[in-house]
N, C-alpha and C. Protein backbone atom coordinates (compact mmCIF):
# COMPACT_ATOMS: atom_id res chain seq x y z
N UNK A 1 21.64 23.58 -3.77
CA UNK A 1 21.08 23.21 -5.06
C UNK A 1 20.51 24.45 -5.73
N UNK A 2 20.93 24.64 -6.91
CA UNK A 2 20.64 25.91 -7.58
C UNK A 2 19.24 25.98 -8.14
N UNK A 3 18.92 27.18 -8.61
CA UNK A 3 17.66 27.46 -9.30
C UNK A 3 17.53 26.64 -10.56
N UNK A 4 18.68 26.40 -11.19
CA UNK A 4 18.70 25.77 -12.50
C UNK A 4 18.70 24.25 -12.39
N UNK A 5 17.75 23.72 -11.59
CA UNK A 5 17.65 22.27 -11.44
C UNK A 5 16.19 21.89 -11.18
N UNK A 6 15.88 20.64 -11.49
CA UNK A 6 14.54 20.12 -11.23
C UNK A 6 14.52 19.53 -9.84
N UNK A 7 13.67 20.05 -8.98
CA UNK A 7 13.57 19.58 -7.60
C UNK A 7 12.76 18.29 -7.58
N UNK A 8 13.38 17.20 -7.13
CA UNK A 8 12.71 15.90 -7.04
C UNK A 8 12.17 15.69 -5.63
N UNK A 9 13.07 15.74 -4.66
CA UNK A 9 12.69 15.64 -3.24
C UNK A 9 13.40 16.78 -2.52
N UNK A 10 13.31 16.77 -1.19
CA UNK A 10 14.01 17.81 -0.41
C UNK A 10 15.52 17.73 -0.63
N UNK A 11 16.03 16.52 -0.81
CA UNK A 11 17.47 16.34 -0.93
C UNK A 11 17.97 16.16 -2.36
N UNK A 12 17.08 15.79 -3.27
CA UNK A 12 17.51 15.44 -4.63
C UNK A 12 17.00 16.47 -5.64
N UNK A 13 17.91 16.95 -6.47
CA UNK A 13 17.54 17.85 -7.56
C UNK A 13 18.41 17.50 -8.76
N UNK A 14 17.77 17.42 -9.93
CA UNK A 14 18.50 17.10 -11.16
C UNK A 14 18.93 18.40 -11.83
N UNK A 15 20.24 18.62 -12.02
CA UNK A 15 20.68 19.81 -12.74
C UNK A 15 20.18 19.77 -14.18
N UNK A 16 19.69 20.89 -14.67
CA UNK A 16 19.17 20.92 -16.05
C UNK A 16 20.28 20.64 -17.08
N UNK A 17 21.52 20.81 -16.66
CA UNK A 17 22.63 20.53 -17.58
C UNK A 17 22.73 19.03 -17.89
N UNK A 18 22.15 18.18 -17.03
CA UNK A 18 22.16 16.74 -17.27
C UNK A 18 21.03 16.29 -18.21
N UNK A 19 20.11 17.18 -18.50
CA UNK A 19 18.97 16.83 -19.34
C UNK A 19 19.28 17.07 -20.81
N UNK A 20 18.90 16.14 -21.65
CA UNK A 20 19.01 16.32 -23.10
C UNK A 20 17.60 16.61 -23.60
N UNK A 21 17.41 17.76 -24.23
CA UNK A 21 16.10 18.14 -24.72
C UNK A 21 16.14 18.21 -26.23
N UNK A 22 15.15 17.57 -26.86
CA UNK A 22 15.07 17.59 -28.32
C UNK A 22 13.64 17.93 -28.72
N UNK A 23 13.50 18.88 -29.63
CA UNK A 23 12.18 19.26 -30.14
C UNK A 23 12.01 18.67 -31.53
N UNK A 24 10.87 17.99 -31.73
CA UNK A 24 10.58 17.40 -33.03
C UNK A 24 9.14 17.75 -33.42
N UNK A 25 8.77 17.39 -34.63
CA UNK A 25 7.41 17.69 -35.07
C UNK A 25 6.43 16.78 -34.36
N UNK A 26 5.34 17.38 -33.95
CA UNK A 26 4.35 16.68 -33.15
C UNK A 26 3.21 16.18 -34.01
N UNK A 27 2.55 15.14 -33.56
CA UNK A 27 1.38 14.65 -34.26
C UNK A 27 0.10 15.10 -33.58
N UNK A 28 0.21 15.94 -32.58
CA UNK A 28 -0.94 16.36 -31.79
C UNK A 28 -1.75 17.45 -32.45
N UNK A 29 -2.53 18.21 -31.67
CA UNK A 29 -3.40 19.24 -32.20
C UNK A 29 -2.61 20.40 -32.82
N UNK A 30 -3.22 21.11 -33.74
CA UNK A 30 -2.56 22.28 -34.30
C UNK A 30 -2.85 22.52 -35.76
N UNK A 31 -3.55 21.61 -36.42
CA UNK A 31 -3.90 21.84 -37.82
C UNK A 31 -2.67 21.93 -38.70
N UNK A 32 -2.68 22.91 -39.62
CA UNK A 32 -1.55 23.07 -40.53
C UNK A 32 -0.30 23.50 -39.79
N UNK A 33 -0.50 24.18 -38.67
CA UNK A 33 0.61 24.66 -37.84
C UNK A 33 1.49 23.50 -37.41
N UNK A 34 0.88 22.32 -37.19
CA UNK A 34 1.61 21.18 -36.67
C UNK A 34 2.65 20.66 -37.66
N UNK A 35 2.43 20.90 -38.95
CA UNK A 35 3.36 20.40 -39.97
C UNK A 35 4.61 21.26 -40.11
N UNK A 36 4.60 22.44 -39.52
CA UNK A 36 5.72 23.36 -39.72
C UNK A 36 6.50 23.65 -38.46
N UNK A 37 5.97 23.28 -37.28
CA UNK A 37 6.67 23.66 -36.05
C UNK A 37 7.03 22.42 -35.23
N UNK A 38 8.13 22.52 -34.54
CA UNK A 38 8.61 21.41 -33.71
C UNK A 38 8.20 21.65 -32.27
N UNK A 39 7.04 21.15 -31.91
CA UNK A 39 6.52 21.40 -30.56
C UNK A 39 6.61 20.17 -29.65
N UNK A 40 6.82 19.01 -30.21
CA UNK A 40 6.94 17.79 -29.40
C UNK A 40 8.29 17.81 -28.71
N UNK A 41 8.30 17.53 -27.41
CA UNK A 41 9.54 17.57 -26.64
C UNK A 41 9.90 16.17 -26.17
N UNK A 42 11.15 15.81 -26.42
CA UNK A 42 11.68 14.55 -25.92
C UNK A 42 12.77 14.90 -24.92
N UNK A 43 12.59 14.46 -23.69
CA UNK A 43 13.51 14.76 -22.60
C UNK A 43 14.22 13.48 -22.23
N UNK A 44 15.56 13.50 -22.20
CA UNK A 44 16.34 12.32 -21.83
C UNK A 44 17.25 12.66 -20.66
N UNK A 45 17.34 11.73 -19.71
CA UNK A 45 18.18 11.92 -18.54
C UNK A 45 18.88 10.60 -18.24
N UNK A 46 20.21 10.65 -18.10
CA UNK A 46 20.95 9.43 -17.81
C UNK A 46 20.96 9.20 -16.31
N UNK A 47 20.13 8.27 -15.89
CA UNK A 47 19.97 7.93 -14.48
C UNK A 47 21.24 7.30 -13.92
N UNK A 48 21.88 6.47 -14.72
CA UNK A 48 23.03 5.71 -14.22
C UNK A 48 24.28 6.54 -14.01
N UNK A 49 24.43 7.66 -14.75
CA UNK A 49 25.65 8.46 -14.59
C UNK A 49 25.36 9.82 -13.96
N UNK A 50 24.17 10.01 -13.41
CA UNK A 50 23.80 11.31 -12.84
C UNK A 50 24.50 11.55 -11.51
N UNK A 51 24.92 12.78 -11.32
CA UNK A 51 25.55 13.17 -10.05
C UNK A 51 24.50 13.57 -9.02
N UNK A 52 23.23 13.63 -9.44
CA UNK A 52 22.16 14.07 -8.54
C UNK A 52 21.77 13.00 -7.52
N UNK A 53 22.11 11.75 -7.82
CA UNK A 53 21.69 10.65 -6.95
C UNK A 53 22.88 10.00 -6.27
N UNK A 54 22.65 9.52 -5.04
CA UNK A 54 23.66 8.73 -4.35
C UNK A 54 23.51 7.29 -4.83
N UNK A 55 24.47 6.44 -4.49
CA UNK A 55 24.48 5.07 -5.01
C UNK A 55 23.22 4.29 -4.65
N UNK A 56 22.78 4.39 -3.39
CA UNK A 56 21.58 3.67 -2.97
C UNK A 56 20.34 4.15 -3.71
N UNK A 57 20.23 5.47 -3.85
CA UNK A 57 19.08 6.04 -4.58
C UNK A 57 19.13 5.63 -6.05
N UNK A 58 20.31 5.64 -6.63
CA UNK A 58 20.46 5.27 -8.03
C UNK A 58 20.04 3.81 -8.24
N UNK A 59 20.45 2.94 -7.33
CA UNK A 59 20.10 1.52 -7.45
C UNK A 59 18.59 1.32 -7.31
N UNK A 60 17.97 2.00 -6.35
CA UNK A 60 16.53 1.87 -6.14
C UNK A 60 15.77 2.38 -7.36
N UNK A 61 16.16 3.56 -7.86
CA UNK A 61 15.48 4.15 -9.02
C UNK A 61 15.69 3.28 -10.26
N UNK A 62 16.89 2.75 -10.45
CA UNK A 62 17.17 1.91 -11.62
C UNK A 62 16.34 0.64 -11.57
N UNK A 63 16.16 0.09 -10.38
CA UNK A 63 15.36 -1.14 -10.24
C UNK A 63 13.89 -0.86 -10.54
N UNK A 64 13.38 0.25 -10.01
CA UNK A 64 11.95 0.56 -10.22
C UNK A 64 11.65 1.03 -11.63
N UNK A 65 12.61 1.68 -12.28
CA UNK A 65 12.39 2.21 -13.62
C UNK A 65 13.07 1.36 -14.70
N UNK A 66 13.41 0.13 -14.37
CA UNK A 66 14.18 -0.72 -15.29
C UNK A 66 13.49 -0.86 -16.65
N UNK A 67 12.17 -0.97 -16.67
CA UNK A 67 11.48 -1.16 -17.95
C UNK A 67 11.40 0.13 -18.76
N UNK A 68 11.75 1.25 -18.16
CA UNK A 68 11.71 2.53 -18.88
C UNK A 68 13.09 3.01 -19.31
N UNK A 69 14.14 2.33 -18.88
CA UNK A 69 15.51 2.74 -19.21
C UNK A 69 15.97 2.05 -20.49
N UNK A 70 16.73 2.79 -21.32
CA UNK A 70 17.28 2.15 -22.51
C UNK A 70 18.62 1.50 -22.15
N UNK A 71 19.29 0.95 -23.12
CA UNK A 71 20.53 0.23 -22.87
C UNK A 71 21.64 1.06 -22.26
N UNK A 72 21.62 2.37 -22.50
CA UNK A 72 22.67 3.24 -21.96
C UNK A 72 22.30 3.84 -20.62
N UNK A 73 21.12 3.51 -20.08
CA UNK A 73 20.69 4.03 -18.79
C UNK A 73 19.92 5.33 -18.87
N UNK A 74 19.44 5.70 -20.07
CA UNK A 74 18.68 6.93 -20.23
C UNK A 74 17.20 6.69 -19.95
N UNK A 75 16.62 7.61 -19.21
CA UNK A 75 15.18 7.64 -18.99
C UNK A 75 14.61 8.67 -19.96
N UNK A 76 13.63 8.26 -20.77
CA UNK A 76 13.09 9.13 -21.83
C UNK A 76 11.64 9.46 -21.55
N UNK A 77 11.32 10.77 -21.60
CA UNK A 77 9.95 11.24 -21.41
C UNK A 77 9.60 12.10 -22.61
N UNK A 78 8.42 11.85 -23.19
CA UNK A 78 7.98 12.58 -24.37
C UNK A 78 6.68 13.28 -24.05
N UNK A 79 6.55 14.56 -24.48
CA UNK A 79 5.31 15.31 -24.29
C UNK A 79 4.95 16.01 -25.59
N UNK A 80 3.70 15.81 -26.03
CA UNK A 80 3.28 16.46 -27.27
C UNK A 80 1.81 16.87 -27.21
N UNK A 81 1.25 17.00 -26.01
CA UNK A 81 -0.18 17.27 -25.88
C UNK A 81 -0.54 18.70 -26.27
N UNK A 82 0.39 19.62 -26.11
CA UNK A 82 0.09 21.03 -26.34
C UNK A 82 0.66 21.53 -27.67
N UNK A 83 0.14 22.65 -28.13
CA UNK A 83 0.68 23.29 -29.34
C UNK A 83 1.92 24.12 -29.01
N UNK A 84 2.15 24.33 -27.71
CA UNK A 84 3.25 25.18 -27.27
C UNK A 84 4.46 24.33 -26.86
N UNK A 85 5.62 24.65 -27.41
CA UNK A 85 6.84 23.93 -27.07
C UNK A 85 7.16 24.13 -25.59
N UNK A 86 6.96 25.33 -25.09
CA UNK A 86 7.24 25.63 -23.67
C UNK A 86 6.36 24.79 -22.75
N UNK A 87 5.06 24.72 -23.09
CA UNK A 87 4.13 23.95 -22.27
C UNK A 87 4.48 22.46 -22.30
N UNK A 88 4.87 21.97 -23.47
CA UNK A 88 5.26 20.57 -23.59
C UNK A 88 6.53 20.28 -22.79
N UNK A 89 7.46 21.24 -22.79
CA UNK A 89 8.69 21.05 -22.02
C UNK A 89 8.38 21.01 -20.52
N UNK A 90 7.53 21.94 -20.08
CA UNK A 90 7.13 21.94 -18.67
C UNK A 90 6.44 20.63 -18.29
N UNK A 91 5.58 20.14 -19.20
CA UNK A 91 4.86 18.89 -18.96
C UNK A 91 5.84 17.71 -18.88
N UNK A 92 6.81 17.67 -19.78
CA UNK A 92 7.80 16.59 -19.78
C UNK A 92 8.64 16.63 -18.50
N UNK A 93 9.04 17.83 -18.08
CA UNK A 93 9.81 17.96 -16.85
C UNK A 93 9.00 17.52 -15.64
N UNK A 94 7.72 17.91 -15.61
CA UNK A 94 6.86 17.51 -14.49
C UNK A 94 6.71 15.99 -14.44
N UNK A 95 6.57 15.36 -15.61
CA UNK A 95 6.42 13.91 -15.64
C UNK A 95 7.72 13.22 -15.22
N UNK A 96 8.86 13.80 -15.60
CA UNK A 96 10.14 13.24 -15.17
C UNK A 96 10.28 13.33 -13.66
N UNK A 97 9.93 14.48 -13.09
CA UNK A 97 9.99 14.66 -11.64
C UNK A 97 9.10 13.64 -10.94
N UNK A 98 7.87 13.46 -11.46
CA UNK A 98 6.93 12.51 -10.86
C UNK A 98 7.47 11.09 -10.92
N UNK A 99 7.99 10.69 -12.08
CA UNK A 99 8.53 9.33 -12.24
C UNK A 99 9.68 9.07 -11.26
N UNK A 100 10.62 10.00 -11.20
CA UNK A 100 11.80 9.79 -10.37
C UNK A 100 11.44 9.85 -8.89
N UNK A 101 10.56 10.78 -8.50
CA UNK A 101 10.19 10.87 -7.08
C UNK A 101 9.46 9.62 -6.63
N UNK A 102 8.58 9.06 -7.49
CA UNK A 102 7.89 7.81 -7.11
C UNK A 102 8.87 6.65 -7.05
N UNK A 103 9.90 6.67 -7.91
CA UNK A 103 10.89 5.59 -7.89
C UNK A 103 11.78 5.66 -6.65
N UNK A 104 11.98 6.85 -6.12
CA UNK A 104 12.86 7.02 -4.96
C UNK A 104 12.17 6.77 -3.62
N UNK A 105 10.85 6.77 -3.60
CA UNK A 105 10.15 6.58 -2.33
C UNK A 105 10.36 5.16 -1.83
N UNK A 106 10.68 5.05 -0.56
CA UNK A 106 10.88 3.76 0.07
C UNK A 106 9.55 3.38 0.71
N UNK A 107 8.96 2.25 0.30
CA UNK A 107 7.67 1.88 0.88
C UNK A 107 7.82 1.57 2.37
N UNK A 108 6.81 1.97 3.13
CA UNK A 108 6.85 1.69 4.57
C UNK A 108 6.65 0.22 4.81
N UNK A 109 7.33 -0.30 5.81
CA UNK A 109 7.21 -1.71 6.14
C UNK A 109 5.85 -1.95 6.78
N UNK A 110 5.20 -3.02 6.35
CA UNK A 110 3.87 -3.34 6.87
C UNK A 110 4.00 -3.89 8.28
N UNK A 111 3.17 -3.37 9.18
CA UNK A 111 3.16 -3.84 10.55
C UNK A 111 2.01 -4.82 10.69
N UNK A 112 2.33 -6.08 11.02
CA UNK A 112 1.29 -7.09 11.15
C UNK A 112 0.45 -6.80 12.38
N UNK A 113 -0.85 -6.95 12.24
CA UNK A 113 -1.75 -6.73 13.38
C UNK A 113 -2.63 -7.95 13.54
N UNK A 114 -3.16 -8.12 14.75
CA UNK A 114 -4.09 -9.23 15.01
C UNK A 114 -5.49 -8.66 15.09
N UNK A 115 -6.49 -9.42 14.61
CA UNK A 115 -7.86 -8.96 14.79
C UNK A 115 -8.20 -8.95 16.28
N UNK A 116 -9.03 -8.01 16.69
CA UNK A 116 -9.41 -7.92 18.10
C UNK A 116 -10.30 -9.10 18.47
N UNK A 117 -10.46 -9.33 19.76
CA UNK A 117 -11.31 -10.42 20.21
C UNK A 117 -12.74 -10.21 19.72
N UNK A 118 -13.23 -8.98 19.80
CA UNK A 118 -14.60 -8.68 19.37
C UNK A 118 -14.76 -8.97 17.87
N UNK A 119 -13.74 -8.66 17.07
CA UNK A 119 -13.81 -8.90 15.63
C UNK A 119 -13.85 -10.40 15.36
N UNK A 120 -13.03 -11.17 16.10
CA UNK A 120 -13.04 -12.64 15.92
C UNK A 120 -14.39 -13.22 16.30
N UNK A 121 -14.95 -12.74 17.43
CA UNK A 121 -16.25 -13.26 17.87
C UNK A 121 -17.36 -12.88 16.88
N UNK A 122 -17.30 -11.67 16.34
CA UNK A 122 -18.31 -11.24 15.37
C UNK A 122 -18.21 -12.10 14.11
N UNK A 123 -17.00 -12.44 13.71
CA UNK A 123 -16.82 -13.29 12.53
C UNK A 123 -17.39 -14.68 12.78
N UNK A 124 -17.13 -15.25 13.95
CA UNK A 124 -17.65 -16.58 14.27
C UNK A 124 -19.18 -16.56 14.37
N UNK A 125 -19.74 -15.49 14.95
CA UNK A 125 -21.21 -15.38 15.04
C UNK A 125 -21.82 -15.33 13.64
N UNK A 126 -21.19 -14.56 12.75
CA UNK A 126 -21.70 -14.45 11.38
C UNK A 126 -21.65 -15.81 10.68
N UNK A 127 -20.56 -16.56 10.91
CA UNK A 127 -20.45 -17.89 10.31
C UNK A 127 -21.53 -18.83 10.85
N UNK A 128 -21.78 -18.74 12.15
CA UNK A 128 -22.81 -19.60 12.75
C UNK A 128 -24.19 -19.25 12.21
N UNK A 129 -24.47 -17.94 12.09
CA UNK A 129 -25.78 -17.52 11.54
C UNK A 129 -25.96 -18.01 10.12
N UNK A 130 -24.91 -17.90 9.33
CA UNK A 130 -24.98 -18.33 7.94
C UNK A 130 -25.19 -19.84 7.85
N UNK A 131 -24.49 -20.59 8.69
CA UNK A 131 -24.65 -22.05 8.72
C UNK A 131 -26.06 -22.45 9.14
N UNK A 132 -26.60 -21.74 10.12
CA UNK A 132 -27.97 -22.04 10.58
C UNK A 132 -28.96 -21.78 9.46
N UNK A 133 -28.77 -20.67 8.74
CA UNK A 133 -29.66 -20.34 7.61
C UNK A 133 -29.61 -21.45 6.58
N UNK A 134 -28.43 -21.95 6.28
CA UNK A 134 -28.30 -23.00 5.27
C UNK A 134 -28.89 -24.32 5.77
N UNK A 135 -28.69 -24.64 7.06
CA UNK A 135 -29.25 -25.87 7.62
C UNK A 135 -30.78 -25.87 7.56
N UNK A 136 -31.36 -24.71 7.78
CA UNK A 136 -32.83 -24.60 7.80
C UNK A 136 -33.43 -24.65 6.41
N UNK A 137 -32.61 -24.69 5.39
CA UNK A 137 -33.12 -24.76 4.02
C UNK A 137 -33.42 -26.18 3.59
N UNK A 138 -33.40 -27.10 4.50
CA UNK A 138 -33.60 -28.51 4.15
C UNK A 138 -34.94 -28.74 3.45
N UNK A 139 -35.21 -30.01 3.11
CA UNK A 139 -36.44 -30.33 2.41
C UNK A 139 -37.64 -30.06 3.28
N UNK A 140 -38.72 -29.64 2.64
CA UNK A 140 -39.97 -29.37 3.35
C UNK A 140 -40.74 -30.69 3.43
N UNK A 141 -41.28 -30.99 4.62
CA UNK A 141 -42.08 -32.23 4.76
C UNK A 141 -43.41 -32.05 4.06
N UNK A 142 -43.85 -33.08 3.35
CA UNK A 142 -45.14 -33.06 2.67
C UNK A 142 -46.07 -34.05 3.33
N UNK A 143 -47.32 -33.67 3.34
CA UNK A 143 -48.31 -34.56 3.98
C UNK A 143 -49.05 -35.39 3.00
């Protein structure tokens, strides 16, 4: 995997040639400068036709990112926090890497465990103490 790609995991890297980058005018900080320069970066990547992912990875990522994909299978990330186009591009790429890497992680299977005997006994003792406290709250006898 070459230098000219975004490293997602140890095995997955998105070639920058698959990314569509568009610079537009930003609404963020910059004063009058903001009206004349295109610093907002829109990064698009087609998840469904990418060669960077295997079929299983593509299916998992598409399922997890389904609400972020458009009709053609493009994942869109926009960055406009900075006045610098370069910084916004780096930020958009970092967010794309984060999104895709979180979508590709396979959650570990939960291993069911039983409470220990001591934990069960402590729970029962606490319940008995609480019940005794409530029982003793009965009406006070008056003379």
